[in-house]
Protein backbone atom coordinates (compact mmCIF):
# COMPACT_ATOMS: atom_id res chain seq x y z
CA MET A 1 87.97 54.49 60.76
CA ASN A 2 84.72 56.29 60.44
CA VAL A 3 81.34 54.56 62.08
CA LYS A 4 78.54 56.32 60.51
CA LEU A 5 75.21 56.37 63.16
CA LYS A 6 71.75 55.39 61.94
CA VAL A 7 69.76 57.75 63.41
CA THR A 8 65.73 56.62 64.01
CA PRO A 9 63.83 59.23 63.60
CA ALA A 10 61.81 59.66 66.67
CA VAL A 11 57.93 58.64 66.30
CA ARG A 12 55.12 60.94 67.43
CA ARG A 13 52.89 59.21 69.53
CA ALA A 14 49.50 59.53 69.58
CA PRO A 15 48.55 61.25 73.00
CA LYS A 16 46.10 58.54 74.89
CA ASP A 17 43.45 59.92 75.64
CA ARG A 18 42.95 61.32 78.99
CA PRO A 19 40.33 59.61 81.46
CA SER A 20 36.95 61.30 81.04
CA PRO A 21 35.43 62.52 84.44
CA PRO A 22 32.73 61.03 87.07
CA ALA A 23 29.79 60.70 85.81
CA ARG A 24 26.94 62.60 87.55
CA GLY A 25 23.90 61.30 86.18
CA GLY A 26 22.52 60.44 89.11
CA ALA A 27 19.13 60.98 90.03
CA GLY A 28 17.68 64.54 89.00
CA THR A 29 21.59 65.58 87.33
CA HIS A 30 21.12 67.07 83.61
CA THR A 31 22.61 64.72 81.25
CA PRO A 32 23.05 64.54 77.16
CA ALA A 33 20.66 62.38 76.80
CA THR A 34 18.25 64.27 79.19
CA GLN A 35 16.40 68.20 79.79
CA ARG A 36 15.76 70.47 82.27
CA LEU A 37 12.12 71.32 82.10
CA PHE A 38 9.89 73.13 84.52
CA PHE A 39 6.16 74.15 85.15
CA ALA A 40 5.63 77.58 85.54
CA LEU A 41 3.17 80.24 85.68
CA LYS A 42 3.59 83.24 83.02
CA VAL A 43 4.23 86.36 84.41
CA PRO A 44 2.37 88.91 81.80
CA ALA A 45 3.59 91.60 80.33
CA THR A 46 1.08 94.30 82.01
CA ILE A 47 2.79 93.46 85.13
CA THR A 48 5.69 92.88 84.73
CA PRO A 49 6.94 97.51 84.04
CA PRO A 50 7.25 97.73 87.96
CA MET A 51 9.20 94.63 88.34
CA VAL A 52 11.67 96.21 85.49
CA ALA A 53 11.75 99.41 87.49
CA ALA A 54 12.54 97.26 90.36
CA GLN A 55 15.56 95.99 88.78
CA LYS A 56 16.95 99.58 87.85
CA LYS A 57 17.81 99.77 91.31
CA LEU A 58 20.43 96.56 91.21
CA ARG A 59 24.11 97.51 91.55
CA GLY A 60 27.70 95.37 90.51
CA ASN A 61 27.53 91.59 89.56
CA TRP A 62 23.69 91.27 89.36
CA ARG A 63 22.20 89.80 86.51
CA ALA A 64 18.51 90.98 86.30
CA VAL A 65 15.57 88.51 84.49
CA GLN A 66 14.35 89.78 81.28
CA PRO A 67 10.81 90.89 81.23
CA GLU A 68 10.00 88.07 79.06
CA GLN A 69 11.52 85.43 81.28
CA LEU A 70 9.71 86.74 84.22
CA HIS A 71 7.66 83.72 85.92
CA VAL A 72 6.32 81.68 88.75
CA THR A 73 8.00 78.36 89.09
CA LEU A 74 5.52 74.79 90.31
CA ALA A 75 8.02 72.21 89.68
CA TYR A 76 10.96 72.02 88.75
CA LEU A 77 12.92 68.63 86.94
CA PRO A 78 16.40 68.89 86.45
CA ALA A 79 16.89 65.49 84.42
CA VAL A 80 14.16 64.60 81.99
CA PRO A 81 14.53 61.97 79.76
CA HIS A 82 13.78 62.96 75.98
CA ASP A 83 10.87 60.30 76.23
CA ARG A 84 9.01 61.54 79.22
CA VAL A 85 8.15 64.91 77.70
CA GLU A 86 4.87 63.30 76.34
CA ASP A 87 3.78 62.17 79.79
CA LEU A 88 4.56 65.60 81.29
CA LYS A 89 2.40 66.85 78.73
CA ARG A 90 -0.53 64.44 79.63
CA LEU A 91 -0.09 65.34 83.33
CA GLY A 92 -0.53 69.49 82.46
CA ASN A 93 -3.77 68.29 80.86
CA ARG A 94 -5.29 65.84 83.42
CA LEU A 95 -4.70 68.56 86.13
CA SER A 96 -5.09 71.80 84.54
CA ALA A 97 -8.52 69.95 84.03
CA ASP A 98 -9.70 70.17 87.68
CA HIS A 99 -7.94 73.61 88.52
CA PRO A 100 -9.30 77.07 88.13
CA PRO A 101 -7.61 80.37 87.15
CA LEU A 102 -5.51 81.52 90.27
CA ASN A 103 -5.78 85.26 91.54
CA LEU A 104 -2.19 86.01 92.21
CA ASN A 105 -0.60 88.84 94.27
CA LEU A 106 2.89 90.50 94.20
CA ARG A 107 4.41 90.83 97.62
CA GLY A 108 7.66 92.03 99.12
CA THR A 109 11.02 91.33 97.92
CA GLY A 110 13.79 88.67 99.22
CA TYR A 111 17.24 86.77 98.56
CA PHE A 112 17.72 83.14 98.29
CA PRO A 113 19.44 81.28 100.41
CA ASN A 114 18.85 84.49 102.68
CA GLU A 115 19.59 87.85 102.97
CA GLY A 116 23.30 87.00 104.57
CA SER A 117 24.87 85.25 101.53
CA PRO A 118 22.35 85.98 98.72
CA ARG A 119 22.25 84.75 95.38
CA VAL A 120 19.12 85.24 93.90
CA TRP A 121 16.73 88.35 94.92
CA PHE A 122 13.12 87.86 94.69
CA VAL A 123 9.29 88.55 94.57
CA LYS A 124 6.91 86.60 96.59
CA VAL A 125 3.79 86.16 95.26
CA GLU A 126 0.43 84.89 96.59
CA GLY A 127 -2.54 83.11 95.63
CA GLU A 128 -6.00 81.12 97.07
CA GLY A 129 -4.55 77.17 95.28
CA LEU A 130 -1.25 78.07 94.60
CA ASN A 131 0.23 76.08 96.77
CA GLU A 132 -2.21 73.43 96.18
CA LEU A 133 -1.78 73.13 92.41
CA ALA A 134 1.97 72.86 93.48
CA ALA A 135 1.98 70.56 95.26
CA ALA A 136 -0.39 68.35 93.02
CA LEU A 137 1.98 68.53 90.30
CA ARG A 138 4.98 68.12 91.85
CA GLU A 139 3.32 64.80 93.92
CA GLY A 140 1.52 64.04 89.61
CA ILE A 141 5.87 63.68 88.39
CA GLN A 142 7.06 61.52 91.25
CA ALA A 143 3.98 58.84 90.56
CA LEU A 144 5.62 59.28 86.66
CA GLY A 145 9.27 57.86 88.20
CA LEU A 146 10.85 61.83 87.35
CA SER A 147 12.37 63.24 89.85
CA THR A 148 12.22 67.25 90.93
CA ASP A 149 14.19 69.50 93.47
CA ASP A 150 13.82 68.30 96.76
CA LEU A 151 13.21 72.37 98.03
CA PRO A 152 10.11 73.06 99.66
CA PHE A 153 8.18 75.55 97.62
CA LYS A 154 8.45 79.13 98.42
CA ALA A 155 6.04 80.46 95.15
CA HIS A 156 8.22 83.78 93.91
CA VAL A 157 9.45 85.40 90.93
CA THR A 158 13.22 85.17 90.90
CA LEU A 159 13.83 89.64 89.52
CA ALA A 160 18.33 89.30 89.40
CA ARG A 161 20.88 86.35 90.08
CA LYS A 162 24.08 87.27 91.60
CA LYS A 163 27.33 86.26 89.67
CA GLY A 164 29.38 88.40 92.57
CA PRO A 165 30.39 90.78 94.90
CA ALA A 166 27.22 92.93 94.68
CA PRO A 167 25.31 94.89 97.12
CA ARG A 168 21.77 94.49 98.20
CA VAL A 169 18.52 96.43 97.04
CA PRO A 170 16.63 97.57 100.03
CA PRO A 171 12.85 95.68 101.27
CA LEU A 172 10.90 97.21 98.56
CA LEU A 173 6.42 95.77 98.49
CA PHE A 174 4.46 96.04 95.41
CA THR A 175 0.70 95.65 95.22
CA ASP A 176 0.48 94.88 91.78
CA HIS A 177 -2.48 91.16 90.90
CA TRP A 178 -3.28 89.14 87.87
CA GLN A 179 -5.12 86.25 87.43
CA SER A 180 -3.07 83.05 86.05
CA GLY A 181 -5.31 80.97 83.09
CA GLY A 182 -2.42 79.10 82.36
CA VAL A 183 0.43 76.45 83.27
CA THR A 184 3.37 76.08 80.99
CA LEU A 185 6.04 73.76 80.41
CA TYR A 186 9.37 75.37 79.20
CA ARG A 187 12.73 73.39 78.77
CA SER A 188 15.59 75.46 80.24
CA ILE A 189 18.82 76.05 78.18
CA LEU A 190 21.85 77.09 79.93
CA ARG A 191 23.82 80.18 78.42
CA LYS A 192 27.07 82.25 79.43
CA THR A 193 24.21 85.31 79.16
CA GLY A 194 21.65 83.55 81.48
CA PRO A 195 19.29 80.70 80.44
CA ILE A 196 16.67 80.52 78.33
CA HIS A 197 12.93 78.88 79.19
CA GLU A 198 11.32 77.72 75.19
CA THR A 199 8.11 76.89 75.27
CA VAL A 200 7.13 73.12 75.53
CA SER A 201 3.63 73.32 76.25
CA THR A 202 0.72 74.91 77.91
CA PHE A 203 -2.17 73.87 79.58
CA ARG A 204 -5.41 75.77 80.42
CA LEU A 205 -6.90 76.19 84.13
CA ARG A 206 -10.21 75.00 83.09
CA GLY A 207 -11.06 73.61 86.65
CA THR A 208 -14.70 76.03 88.01
CA PRO A 209 -14.00 78.42 90.64
CA VAL A 210 -15.58 78.07 93.99
CA LEU A 211 -17.65 81.15 95.19
CA THR A 212 -17.11 81.58 98.44
CA PRO A 213 -20.73 81.91 99.99
CA LEU A 214 -21.13 85.96 101.40
CA PRO A 215 -21.23 85.95 105.87
CA ALA A 216 -25.00 85.98 107.38
CA GLU A 217 -26.15 89.51 107.88
CA ALA A 218 -25.19 90.41 111.76
CA SER A 219 -29.19 91.93 112.23
CA GLN A 220 -32.27 91.37 110.18
CA GLU A 221 -35.02 93.33 109.56
CA THR A 222 -37.58 93.16 111.67
CA PRO A 223 -40.86 92.62 109.83
């Protein structure tokens, strides 16, 4: 006797959803509900040529920062909710009213975190009032309940970032200087080719410069 077997077609089950990786949205971490912002001083186009010439010395897996992206970061905010941007604009307007324009000077090059295992190549920046402005911004940001990075402020312009094995560039010294008349609030957008910085708002430094009194003459004329 022939017995016919009923073959039931295989049922394709929808794959189970894979668990999502644990969220990393703690304090100071970027999530889709937040954005990366930073306050900075833009380097004018008249100052960039010597730095661009220095970047030509790079070899290997260094990625040079484009001239229009060169800046001095004053305060970095890695995770700002979209509805808090207006608070940062008000902070920028308030602080810029009290701070005068800054006279800035480029100095020597260096590496972060150190020369032994460099990831960033930079040039140091100095200027009277620069540290005070950065400190005021960071204090104001913290007063708003927002987070900044926990790195100590070291004024610099990033020239390049290392993406793999690459030789170091010997130390270089710059003598260029400029007057910075305003602070910019940037939005940082990460791309495979490097971060893109979009201007959110600008704040003109409107404080009155403090005049340094001339030193008294060492000798007086005899009547």
